[in-house]
Amino acid sequence: MRDTHALRGRMTPAILPAVLLALAAVVTLGLLAGPAVAQPAYSSCASCHASGTTHAGGNANHTGVACLTCHNDTGGMGDPPLPSACGSCHGGVTAILAANTTHTSAPQSCGTTNNCHGYTAPPTQATTTLTAKAAPTTVSLGKKVKVSGLAGPVPALVGAKIAFKVERRVGTKWVKMKAPATATVATLGPYSWTYKAVKKGSHQVTLSIKATTTFTAKKLVKTFKVK
């Protein structure tokens, strides 16, 4: 009878290189697969290509294409097509990303397109809108003037601070009457602030909103008189 332990000892040197070669192949395939998986990493082609321009009615090239060719049958027709589905007809990742300059030229290049390859675009600033009314426009000394209006768009401006600066005209100059006060924009965009008149003459109130990463700056000036 042959010595099994001896046989195993003789086979080990022959088997070891094969095992190492197999492991190397697995690692290599994993590295090669990485970019392929990462390529169609956009959340959806539909983020740029709206359904109105991709369905048969808006794109003659898609006439006769079955729904399930593009849509995931497990998620339903309401799900946007996966990038892999688009790539199956449009030449794959190479044709979509490399050969098509629409996808590689600024500003929609691979490193700058939102939701592509893990890139998230910085938030865009909402353009601030502001309305204001000073009432009454003529007020008696010691009475109050109410400044009110709407700030938008909401919800971007909700909670924003509006600064008020009151000045009185003295000769050709505007003289500050009091330190700036603030009001907060409410849920639907309204705000209000009141000022008690302490000096006679022409007055102006400057409303200002400072810019943030969420919204742009805005300034308005309203006038009133104290008699």
Protein backbone atom coordinates (compact mmCIF):
# COMPACT_ATOMS: atom_id res chain seq x y z
CA MET A 1 0.00 0.00 0.00
CA ARG A 2 1.28 3.44 -0.93
CA ASP A 3 2.09 5.89 1.83
CA THR A 4 -0.69 8.50 1.65
CA HIS A 5 1.19 11.03 3.72
CA ALA A 6 4.24 10.66 1.57
CA LEU A 7 2.12 11.08 -1.57
CA ARG A 8 0.59 14.27 -0.20
CA GLY A 9 4.04 15.57 0.58
CA ARG A 10 5.19 14.92 -3.00
CA MET A 11 2.03 16.57 -4.53
CA THR A 12 2.18 19.75 -2.46
CA PRO A 13 4.90 21.49 -4.51
CA ALA A 14 2.92 20.82 -7.72
CA ILE A 15 -0.42 21.97 -6.33
CA LEU A 16 0.84 25.17 -4.65
CA PRO A 17 1.71 27.06 -7.89
CA ALA A 18 -1.70 26.15 -9.33
CA VAL A 19 -3.46 27.48 -6.27
CA LEU A 20 -1.45 30.69 -6.34
CA LEU A 21 -2.18 31.10 -10.07
CA ALA A 22 -5.91 30.68 -9.44
CA LEU A 23 -5.83 33.28 -6.66
CA ALA A 24 -3.98 35.71 -8.90
CA ALA A 25 -6.62 35.23 -11.60
CA VAL A 26 -9.40 35.98 -9.12
CA VAL A 27 -7.66 39.16 -7.95
CA THR A 28 -7.01 40.25 -11.55
CA LEU A 29 -10.62 39.69 -12.54
CA GLY A 30 -11.75 41.66 -9.51
CA LEU A 31 -9.53 44.60 -10.45
CA LEU A 32 -10.69 44.52 -14.03
CA ALA A 33 -14.31 44.31 -12.99
CA GLY A 34 -13.99 47.32 -10.69
CA PRO A 35 -13.94 50.01 -13.39
CA ALA A 36 -16.62 48.24 -15.38
CA VAL A 37 -18.93 48.29 -12.40
CA ALA A 38 -18.01 51.86 -11.57
CA GLN A 39 -18.54 53.17 -15.08
CA PRO A 40 -22.35 53.14 -15.16
CA ALA A 41 -22.48 54.64 -11.69
CA TYR A 42 -24.83 57.47 -12.57
CA SER A 43 -28.09 57.17 -10.64
CA SER A 44 -30.00 57.12 -13.91
CA CYS A 45 -29.61 58.25 -17.51
CA ALA A 46 -33.07 59.73 -16.98
CA SER A 47 -31.58 62.38 -14.72
CA CYS A 48 -30.62 64.18 -17.95
CA HIS A 49 -32.67 62.37 -20.60
CA ALA A 50 -36.32 62.99 -19.78
CA SER A 51 -38.97 60.43 -20.70
CA GLY A 52 -40.54 62.80 -23.20
CA THR A 53 -37.40 62.70 -25.33
CA THR A 54 -36.61 59.01 -24.92
CA HIS A 55 -39.94 57.26 -25.50
CA ALA A 56 -41.02 56.42 -29.01
CA GLY A 57 -43.17 59.52 -29.31
CA GLY A 58 -40.19 61.79 -28.72
CA ASN A 59 -37.40 59.67 -30.20
CA ALA A 60 -37.90 57.93 -33.53
CA ASN A 61 -34.92 55.65 -32.85
CA HIS A 62 -36.87 54.04 -30.02
CA THR A 63 -39.93 53.19 -32.10
CA GLY A 64 -40.72 49.51 -31.75
CA VAL A 65 -38.50 49.02 -28.70
CA ALA A 66 -40.30 46.91 -26.09
CA CYS A 67 -40.82 48.47 -22.65
CA LEU A 68 -38.93 45.72 -20.86
CA THR A 69 -35.89 46.31 -23.06
CA CYS A 70 -35.23 49.42 -21.03
CA HIS A 71 -37.30 49.18 -17.86
CA ASN A 72 -36.64 46.84 -14.98
CA ASP A 73 -39.51 44.35 -14.98
CA THR A 74 -39.10 43.74 -11.24
CA GLY A 75 -39.40 47.42 -10.40
CA GLY A 76 -42.24 48.20 -12.74
CA MET A 77 -42.58 50.54 -15.70
CA GLY A 78 -42.38 53.53 -13.37
CA ASP A 79 -38.70 52.88 -12.69
CA PRO A 80 -36.26 54.76 -14.93
CA PRO A 81 -34.03 52.54 -17.09
CA LEU A 82 -30.75 51.49 -15.54
CA PRO A 83 -27.58 52.75 -17.26
CA SER A 84 -26.76 49.15 -18.13
CA ALA A 85 -30.05 48.91 -20.05
CA CYS A 86 -29.26 52.06 -22.03
CA GLY A 87 -25.76 50.76 -22.67
CA SER A 88 -27.06 47.48 -24.10
CA CYS A 89 -28.35 49.35 -27.15
CA HIS A 90 -26.08 52.39 -27.20
CA GLY A 91 -22.73 50.67 -27.39
CA GLY A 92 -21.95 50.15 -23.74
CA VAL A 93 -19.92 52.30 -21.41
CA THR A 94 -17.16 53.07 -23.91
CA ALA A 95 -19.52 54.47 -26.52
CA ILE A 96 -21.65 56.35 -24.02
CA LEU A 97 -18.89 57.94 -21.97
CA ALA A 98 -15.74 57.94 -24.07
CA ALA A 99 -16.87 58.22 -27.68
CA ASN A 100 -19.65 60.72 -27.03
CA THR A 101 -18.26 64.19 -26.30
CA THR A 102 -21.65 65.26 -24.94
CA HIS A 103 -20.85 63.15 -21.88
CA THR A 104 -17.18 64.05 -21.52
CA SER A 105 -16.97 67.76 -22.35
CA ALA A 106 -17.51 70.45 -19.73
CA PRO A 107 -19.77 71.27 -18.04
CA GLN A 108 -21.21 67.73 -18.04
CA SER A 109 -17.93 65.81 -18.03
CA CYS A 110 -17.46 62.69 -15.94
CA GLY A 111 -16.01 64.59 -13.02
CA THR A 112 -18.62 67.33 -12.97
CA THR A 113 -21.95 65.69 -13.79
CA ASN A 114 -24.19 65.29 -10.76
CA ASN A 115 -24.78 61.66 -9.70
CA CYS A 116 -22.12 60.34 -12.12
CA HIS A 117 -19.29 58.21 -10.69
CA GLY A 118 -20.01 59.29 -7.15
CA TYR A 119 -19.81 63.02 -7.94
CA THR A 120 -22.36 65.20 -6.16
CA ALA A 121 -22.75 68.72 -7.46
CA PRO A 122 -22.66 71.52 -4.90
CA PRO A 123 -26.06 73.00 -4.07
CA THR A 124 -27.19 75.75 -6.39
CA GLN A 125 -28.15 79.12 -4.95
CA ALA A 126 -31.79 80.06 -5.14
CA THR A 127 -32.33 83.56 -6.54
CA THR A 128 -33.80 85.56 -3.69
CA THR A 129 -36.99 87.54 -4.24
CA LEU A 130 -38.19 90.20 -1.83
CA THR A 131 -41.23 92.43 -1.65
CA ALA A 132 -41.71 95.20 0.89
CA LYS A 133 -44.29 97.77 1.92
CA ALA A 134 -43.95 100.53 4.51
CA ALA A 135 -47.32 101.49 5.98
CA PRO A 136 -48.40 104.10 6.54
CA THR A 137 -46.15 106.09 4.25
CA THR A 138 -46.84 109.20 6.35
CA VAL A 139 -46.96 108.84 10.11
CA SER A 140 -47.21 111.18 13.10
CA LEU A 141 -44.32 111.55 15.52
CA GLY A 142 -44.37 108.79 18.12
CA LYS A 143 -46.45 106.45 15.94
CA LYS A 144 -45.27 103.23 14.32
CA VAL A 145 -44.49 102.26 10.73
CA LYS A 146 -44.87 98.62 9.78
CA VAL A 147 -42.59 97.16 7.12
CA SER A 148 -43.82 93.83 5.74
CA GLY A 149 -43.73 91.65 2.66
CA LEU A 150 -42.72 88.29 1.28
CA ALA A 151 -39.32 86.66 0.79
CA GLY A 152 -38.75 83.71 -1.50
CA PRO A 153 -38.43 81.24 -2.90
CA VAL A 154 -39.61 78.97 -0.13
CA PRO A 155 -38.52 76.74 1.45
CA ALA A 156 -35.01 78.05 0.69
CA LEU A 157 -35.64 81.41 2.41
CA VAL A 158 -37.59 80.06 5.39
CA GLY A 159 -35.73 81.08 8.54
CA ALA A 160 -33.58 83.63 6.72
CA LYS A 161 -32.81 86.91 8.48
CA ILE A 162 -33.80 90.27 6.99
CA ALA A 163 -31.88 93.26 8.33
CA PHE A 164 -33.53 96.70 8.61
CA LYS A 165 -31.64 100.00 8.73
CA VAL A 166 -33.59 103.23 9.26
CA GLU A 167 -32.12 106.58 8.17
CA ARG A 168 -33.41 110.18 8.22
CA ARG A 169 -32.59 112.76 5.59
CA VAL A 170 -30.62 115.71 7.00
CA GLY A 171 -29.76 118.18 4.26
CA THR A 172 -28.18 116.09 1.50
CA LYS A 173 -27.17 113.18 3.74
CA TRP A 174 -28.90 110.16 5.23
CA VAL A 175 -28.27 109.85 8.97
CA LYS A 176 -28.71 106.50 10.71
CA MET A 177 -31.49 106.56 13.29
CA LYS A 178 -30.87 103.30 15.16
CA ALA A 179 -28.86 100.12 15.07
CA PRO A 180 -30.05 97.61 12.44
CA ALA A 181 -32.76 95.21 13.56
CA THR A 182 -33.76 91.87 12.04
CA ALA A 183 -36.84 89.85 11.23
CA THR A 184 -37.12 86.15 10.40
CA VAL A 185 -38.82 84.83 7.28
CA ALA A 186 -41.76 82.63 8.31
CA THR A 187 -42.85 79.28 6.85
CA LEU A 188 -44.66 80.58 3.78
CA GLY A 189 -42.30 83.53 3.23
CA PRO A 190 -43.93 86.44 5.12
CA TYR A 191 -42.06 88.77 7.46
CA SER A 192 -42.84 91.99 9.32
CA TRP A 193 -41.09 94.60 11.46
CA THR A 194 -42.21 97.84 13.10
CA TYR A 195 -40.41 101.10 13.75
CA LYS A 196 -41.48 103.86 16.16
CA ALA A 197 -40.93 107.33 14.67
CA VAL A 198 -38.84 109.53 16.96
CA LYS A 199 -37.84 112.34 14.58
CA LYS A 200 -39.74 114.35 12.00
CA GLY A 201 -38.70 114.37 8.37
CA SER A 202 -38.12 112.07 5.40
CA HIS A 203 -36.99 108.56 6.27
CA GLN A 204 -35.85 105.49 4.42
CA VAL A 205 -35.58 101.90 5.57
CA THR A 206 -33.12 99.56 3.85
CA LEU A 207 -33.96 95.86 3.89
CA SER A 208 -31.14 93.43 3.16
CA ILE A 209 -30.63 89.69 3.03
CA LYS A 210 -27.09 88.36 3.07
CA ALA A 211 -26.12 85.67 0.58
CA THR A 212 -25.51 82.11 1.74
CA THR A 213 -24.70 78.88 -0.09
CA THR A 214 -28.47 78.34 -0.34
CA PHE A 215 -29.70 81.71 -1.64
CA THR A 216 -28.42 84.97 -3.16
CA ALA A 217 -28.28 88.41 -1.53
CA LYS A 218 -31.09 90.93 -1.92
CA LYS A 219 -31.65 94.56 -0.95
CA LEU A 220 -34.66 96.91 -1.07
CA VAL A 221 -35.23 100.51 0.04
CA LYS A 222 -38.59 101.93 1.11
CA THR A 223 -39.39 105.51 2.18
CA PHE A 224 -41.84 107.14 4.61
CA LYS A 225 -42.37 110.53 6.23
CA VAL A 226 -42.79 111.53 9.85
CA LYS A 227 -44.78 114.73 10.51
